[in-house]
Amino acid sequence: HDIEHVIVDNMQFMMGTKPSNLDRFLLQDSVIAEFRKFATVHNCHVTLVIHPRKEKETEELHISSIFGSAKASQEADNIMILQDERFIGKRRKYIQLMKNRYDGDLGRVFLRFDKDSQTMSGIMKKDPDNDNPRSAEPEDG
């Protein structure tokens, strides 16, 4: 098989709610270790969707907001968090790259919702210095 990318959405649901002798965090650590091993053996990228723990509605999410133990963030090559700025009175969302093991570049991509296609996409503008696209904040309005 020629699979390059697997997306598991969401990991908590996939793990189920079966009663078990294993602590929930130990089970999550075990599942993450197996996905990491799978990605290495099969040379593919695995994206795990993990819902955050409950946080104050007045604050952004951080790496520490990831549900479970620290293993999820330690094993990850990249961590992206969907942020929602409703708490500051703005109706905008963006994806924030919080961890990048390969080159360390971090940043955010603001999102726009298209009602016709029912999809979200990045808001991009051309960088005046090099004509390359870059993420742009949405205009208020």
C-alpha atoms as a PDB file:
ATOM      1  CA  HIS A   1       0.000   0.000   0.000  1.00  0.00           C
ATOM      2  CA  ASP A   2       1.135   3.511  -0.726  1.00  0.00           C
ATOM      3  CA  ILE A   3      -0.386   5.439   2.193  1.00  0.00           C
ATOM      4  CA  GLU A   4       1.415   8.666   3.067  1.00  0.00           C
ATOM      5  CA  HIS A   5      -0.934  10.267   5.616  1.00  0.00           C
ATOM      6  CA  VAL A   6      -3.403   8.877   8.155  1.00  0.00           C
ATOM      7  CA  ILE A   7      -5.780  11.123  10.133  1.00  0.00           C
ATOM      8  CA  VAL A   8      -7.395   9.803  13.325  1.00  0.00           C
ATOM      9  CA  ASP A   9     -10.309  12.027  14.358  1.00  0.00           C
ATOM     10  CA  ASN A  10     -10.628  11.884  17.250  1.00  0.00           C
ATOM     11  CA  MET A  11      -8.334   9.790  19.381  1.00  0.00           C
ATOM     12  CA  GLN A  12     -10.452   9.871  22.544  1.00  0.00           C
ATOM     13  CA  PHE A  13     -13.455   8.481  20.630  1.00  0.00           C
ATOM     14  CA  MET A  14     -11.315   5.823  18.954  1.00  0.00           C
ATOM     15  CA  MET A  15     -10.031   4.625  22.339  1.00  0.00           C
ATOM     16  CA  GLY A  16     -13.627   4.016  23.425  1.00  0.00           C
ATOM     17  CA  THR A  17     -15.137   3.993  26.880  1.00  0.00           C
ATOM     18  CA  LYS A  18     -14.735   0.321  27.746  1.00  0.00           C
ATOM     19  CA  PRO A  19     -14.019  -0.286  31.413  1.00  0.00           C
ATOM     20  CA  SER A  20     -10.405  -1.297  31.728  1.00  0.00           C
ATOM     21  CA  ASN A  21      -7.813  -1.961  34.391  1.00  0.00           C
ATOM     22  CA  LEU A  22      -5.509   0.411  32.533  1.00  0.00           C
ATOM     23  CA  ASP A  23      -5.518   4.009  33.625  1.00  0.00           C
ATOM     24  CA  ARG A  24      -6.931   6.183  30.818  1.00  0.00           C
ATOM     25  CA  PHE A  25      -3.661   8.130  30.513  1.00  0.00           C
ATOM     26  CA  LEU A  26      -1.602   4.931  30.297  1.00  0.00           C
ATOM     27  CA  LEU A  27      -3.936   3.678  27.576  1.00  0.00           C
ATOM     28  CA  GLN A  28      -3.557   6.941  25.671  1.00  0.00           C
ATOM     29  CA  ASP A  29       0.250   6.751  26.008  1.00  0.00           C
ATOM     30  CA  SER A  30       0.188   3.195  24.669  1.00  0.00           C
ATOM     31  CA  VAL A  31      -1.966   4.177  21.682  1.00  0.00           C
ATOM     32  CA  ILE A  32       0.321   7.123  20.889  1.00  0.00           C
ATOM     33  CA  ALA A  33       3.403   4.876  21.060  1.00  0.00           C
ATOM     34  CA  GLU A  34       1.780   2.437  18.604  1.00  0.00           C
ATOM     35  CA  PHE A  35       0.903   5.218  16.163  1.00  0.00           C
ATOM     36  CA  ARG A  36       4.468   6.570  16.398  1.00  0.00           C
ATOM     37  CA  LYS A  37       5.833   3.085  15.672  1.00  0.00           C
ATOM     38  CA  PHE A  38       3.400   2.674  12.752  1.00  0.00           C
ATOM     39  CA  ALA A  39       4.458   6.024  11.250  1.00  0.00           C
ATOM     40  CA  THR A  40       8.152   5.102  11.504  1.00  0.00           C
ATOM     41  CA  VAL A  41       7.799   1.557  10.134  1.00  0.00           C
ATOM     42  CA  HIS A  42       5.539   2.588   7.232  1.00  0.00           C
ATOM     43  CA  ASN A  43       7.164   5.963   6.535  1.00  0.00           C
ATOM     44  CA  CYS A  44       3.894   7.878   6.712  1.00  0.00           C
ATOM     45  CA  HIS A  45       2.568  10.873   8.600  1.00  0.00           C
ATOM     46  CA  VAL A  46      -0.036  10.260  11.303  1.00  0.00           C
ATOM     47  CA  THR A  47      -2.240  13.132  12.430  1.00  0.00           C
ATOM     48  CA  LEU A  48      -4.035  12.590  15.718  1.00  0.00           C
ATOM     49  CA  VAL A  49      -6.932  14.860  16.621  1.00  0.00           C
ATOM     50  CA  ILE A  50      -6.993  15.219  20.395  1.00  0.00           C
ATOM     51  CA  HIS A  51      -9.623  17.411  21.989  1.00  0.00           C
ATOM     52  CA  PRO A  52      -8.287  19.847  24.577  1.00  0.00           C
ATOM     53  CA  ARG A  53      -9.031  19.705  28.259  1.00  0.00           C
ATOM     54  CA  LYS A  54     -11.473  22.292  29.555  1.00  0.00           C
ATOM     55  CA  GLU A  55      -9.754  25.664  29.863  1.00  0.00           C
ATOM     56  CA  LYS A  56     -10.918  29.155  30.757  1.00  0.00           C
ATOM     57  CA  GLU A  57     -12.929  30.606  27.888  1.00  0.00           C
ATOM     58  CA  THR A  58     -10.963  33.830  28.232  1.00  0.00           C
ATOM     59  CA  GLU A  59      -7.593  32.281  27.293  1.00  0.00           C
ATOM     60  CA  GLU A  60      -5.991  30.765  24.213  1.00  0.00           C
ATOM     61  CA  LEU A  61      -5.184  27.077  24.195  1.00  0.00           C
ATOM     62  CA  HIS A  62      -1.553  26.003  24.705  1.00  0.00           C
ATOM     63  CA  ILE A  63       0.409  22.774  24.389  1.00  0.00           C
ATOM     64  CA  SER A  64      -0.457  22.080  28.022  1.00  0.00           C
ATOM     65  CA  SER A  65      -4.151  22.130  26.992  1.00  0.00           C
ATOM     66  CA  ILE A  66      -3.775  18.766  25.217  1.00  0.00           C
ATOM     67  CA  PHE A  67      -5.888  16.164  26.998  1.00  0.00           C
ATOM     68  CA  GLY A  68      -3.915  13.408  28.712  1.00  0.00           C
ATOM     69  CA  SER A  69      -0.309  13.094  29.695  1.00  0.00           C
ATOM     70  CA  ALA A  70       2.709  14.888  28.231  1.00  0.00           C
ATOM     71  CA  LYS A  71       3.498  11.927  25.933  1.00  0.00           C
ATOM     72  CA  ALA A  72       1.249  13.266  23.169  1.00  0.00           C
ATOM     73  CA  SER A  73       3.152  16.539  22.948  1.00  0.00           C
ATOM     74  CA  GLN A  74       6.566  14.924  23.470  1.00  0.00           C
ATOM     75  CA  GLU A  75       6.082  12.377  20.676  1.00  0.00           C
ATOM     76  CA  ALA A  76       4.582  14.860  18.217  1.00  0.00           C
ATOM     77  CA  ASP A  77       6.667  16.259  15.390  1.00  0.00           C
ATOM     78  CA  ASN A  78       4.120  19.046  14.913  1.00  0.00           C
ATOM     79  CA  ILE A  79       1.407  20.449  17.142  1.00  0.00           C
ATOM     80  CA  MET A  80      -1.348  22.533  15.588  1.00  0.00           C
ATOM     81  CA  ILE A  81      -4.142  24.023  17.668  1.00  0.00           C
ATOM     82  CA  LEU A  82      -7.394  25.435  16.333  1.00  0.00           C
ATOM     83  CA  GLN A  83      -7.849  28.725  18.170  1.00  0.00           C
ATOM     84  CA  ASP A  84     -11.081  30.706  18.474  1.00  0.00           C
ATOM     85  CA  GLU A  85     -10.938  34.369  19.479  1.00  0.00           C
ATOM     86  CA  ARG A  86     -14.581  34.774  20.508  1.00  0.00           C
ATOM     87  CA  PHE A  87     -13.362  35.535  24.024  1.00  0.00           C
ATOM     88  CA  ILE A  88     -11.930  38.896  22.906  1.00  0.00           C
ATOM     89  CA  GLY A  89     -15.068  39.889  21.037  1.00  0.00           C
ATOM     90  CA  LYS A  90     -13.890  38.844  17.568  1.00  0.00           C
ATOM     91  CA  ARG A  91     -15.400  36.043  15.520  1.00  0.00           C
ATOM     92  CA  ARG A  92     -12.217  34.702  13.973  1.00  0.00           C
ATOM     93  CA  LYS A  93     -10.451  31.376  14.046  1.00  0.00           C
ATOM     94  CA  TYR A  94      -6.949  30.360  13.163  1.00  0.00           C
ATOM     95  CA  ILE A  95      -4.665  27.353  13.205  1.00  0.00           C
ATOM     96  CA  GLN A  96      -1.601  27.953  15.349  1.00  0.00           C
ATOM     97  CA  LEU A  97       1.538  25.883  14.797  1.00  0.00           C
ATOM     98  CA  MET A  98       2.838  25.453  18.363  1.00  0.00           C
ATOM     99  CA  LYS A  99       5.585  22.888  17.726  1.00  0.00           C
ATOM    100  CA  ASN A 100       7.684  22.119  14.659  1.00  0.00           C
ATOM    101  CA  ARG A 101      10.401  19.553  15.248  1.00  0.00           C
ATOM    102  CA  TYR A 102      11.961  19.905  11.797  1.00  0.00           C
ATOM    103  CA  ASP A 103      12.844  23.558  11.380  1.00  0.00           C
ATOM    104  CA  GLY A 104      11.302  25.309  14.363  1.00  0.00           C
ATOM    105  CA  ASP A 105       9.174  27.749  12.347  1.00  0.00           C
ATOM    106  CA  LEU A 106       6.002  28.618  14.239  1.00  0.00           C
ATOM    107  CA  GLY A 107       3.058  30.798  13.324  1.00  0.00           C
ATOM    108  CA  ARG A 108      -0.631  31.014  12.592  1.00  0.00           C
ATOM    109  CA  VAL A 109      -2.945  30.819   9.613  1.00  0.00           C
ATOM    110  CA  PHE A 110      -6.194  32.751   9.926  1.00  0.00           C
ATOM    111  CA  LEU A 111      -9.248  30.978   8.568  1.00  0.00           C
ATOM    112  CA  ARG A 112     -12.267  32.120   6.594  1.00  0.00           C
ATOM    113  CA  PHE A 113     -15.526  30.149   6.372  1.00  0.00           C
ATOM    114  CA  ASP A 114     -17.117  29.886   2.929  1.00  0.00           C
ATOM    115  CA  LYS A 115     -20.878  29.356   3.318  1.00  0.00           C
ATOM    116  CA  ASP A 116     -21.362  28.105  -0.255  1.00  0.00           C
ATOM    117  CA  SER A 117     -18.824  25.279  -0.031  1.00  0.00           C
ATOM    118  CA  GLN A 118     -19.173  24.784   3.752  1.00  0.00           C
ATOM    119  CA  THR A 119     -15.371  24.811   4.116  1.00  0.00           C
ATOM    120  CA  MET A 120     -12.720  26.784   5.929  1.00  0.00           C
ATOM    121  CA  SER A 121      -9.562  27.954   4.195  1.00  0.00           C
ATOM    122  CA  GLY A 122      -6.545  30.064   5.022  1.00  0.00           C
ATOM    123  CA  ILE A 123      -6.567  33.799   4.422  1.00  0.00           C
ATOM    124  CA  MET A 124      -3.481  34.535   2.355  1.00  0.00           C
ATOM    125  CA  LYS A 125      -1.835  37.687   0.995  1.00  0.00           C
ATOM    126  CA  LYS A 126       1.270  38.042  -1.130  1.00  0.00           C
ATOM    127  CA  ASP A 127       4.367  39.007   0.835  1.00  0.00           C
ATOM    128  CA  PRO A 128       5.527  42.355  -0.633  1.00  0.00           C
ATOM    129  CA  ASP A 129       9.186  41.434  -0.065  1.00  0.00           C
ATOM    130  CA  ASN A 130       9.250  38.222  -2.103  1.00  0.00           C
ATOM    131  CA  ASP A 131       5.809  37.774  -3.748  1.00  0.00           C
ATOM    132  CA  ASN A 132       5.221  34.520  -1.812  1.00  0.00           C
ATOM    133  CA  PRO A 133       1.861  33.893  -0.145  1.00  0.00           C
ATOM    134  CA  ARG A 134       1.704  34.382   3.630  1.00  0.00           C
ATOM    135  CA  SER A 135      -1.050  34.186   6.215  1.00  0.00           C
ATOM    136  CA  ALA A 136      -2.999  37.387   6.760  1.00  0.00           C
ATOM    137  CA  GLU A 137      -5.246  38.506   9.584  1.00  0.00           C
ATOM    138  CA  PRO A 138      -8.865  38.930   8.541  1.00  0.00           C
ATOM    139  CA  GLU A 139     -10.102  42.462   8.221  1.00  0.00           C
ATOM    140  CA  ASP A 140     -12.526  43.435  10.981  1.00  0.00           C
ATOM    141  CA  GLY A 141     -15.929  44.194   9.754  1.00  0.00           C
END
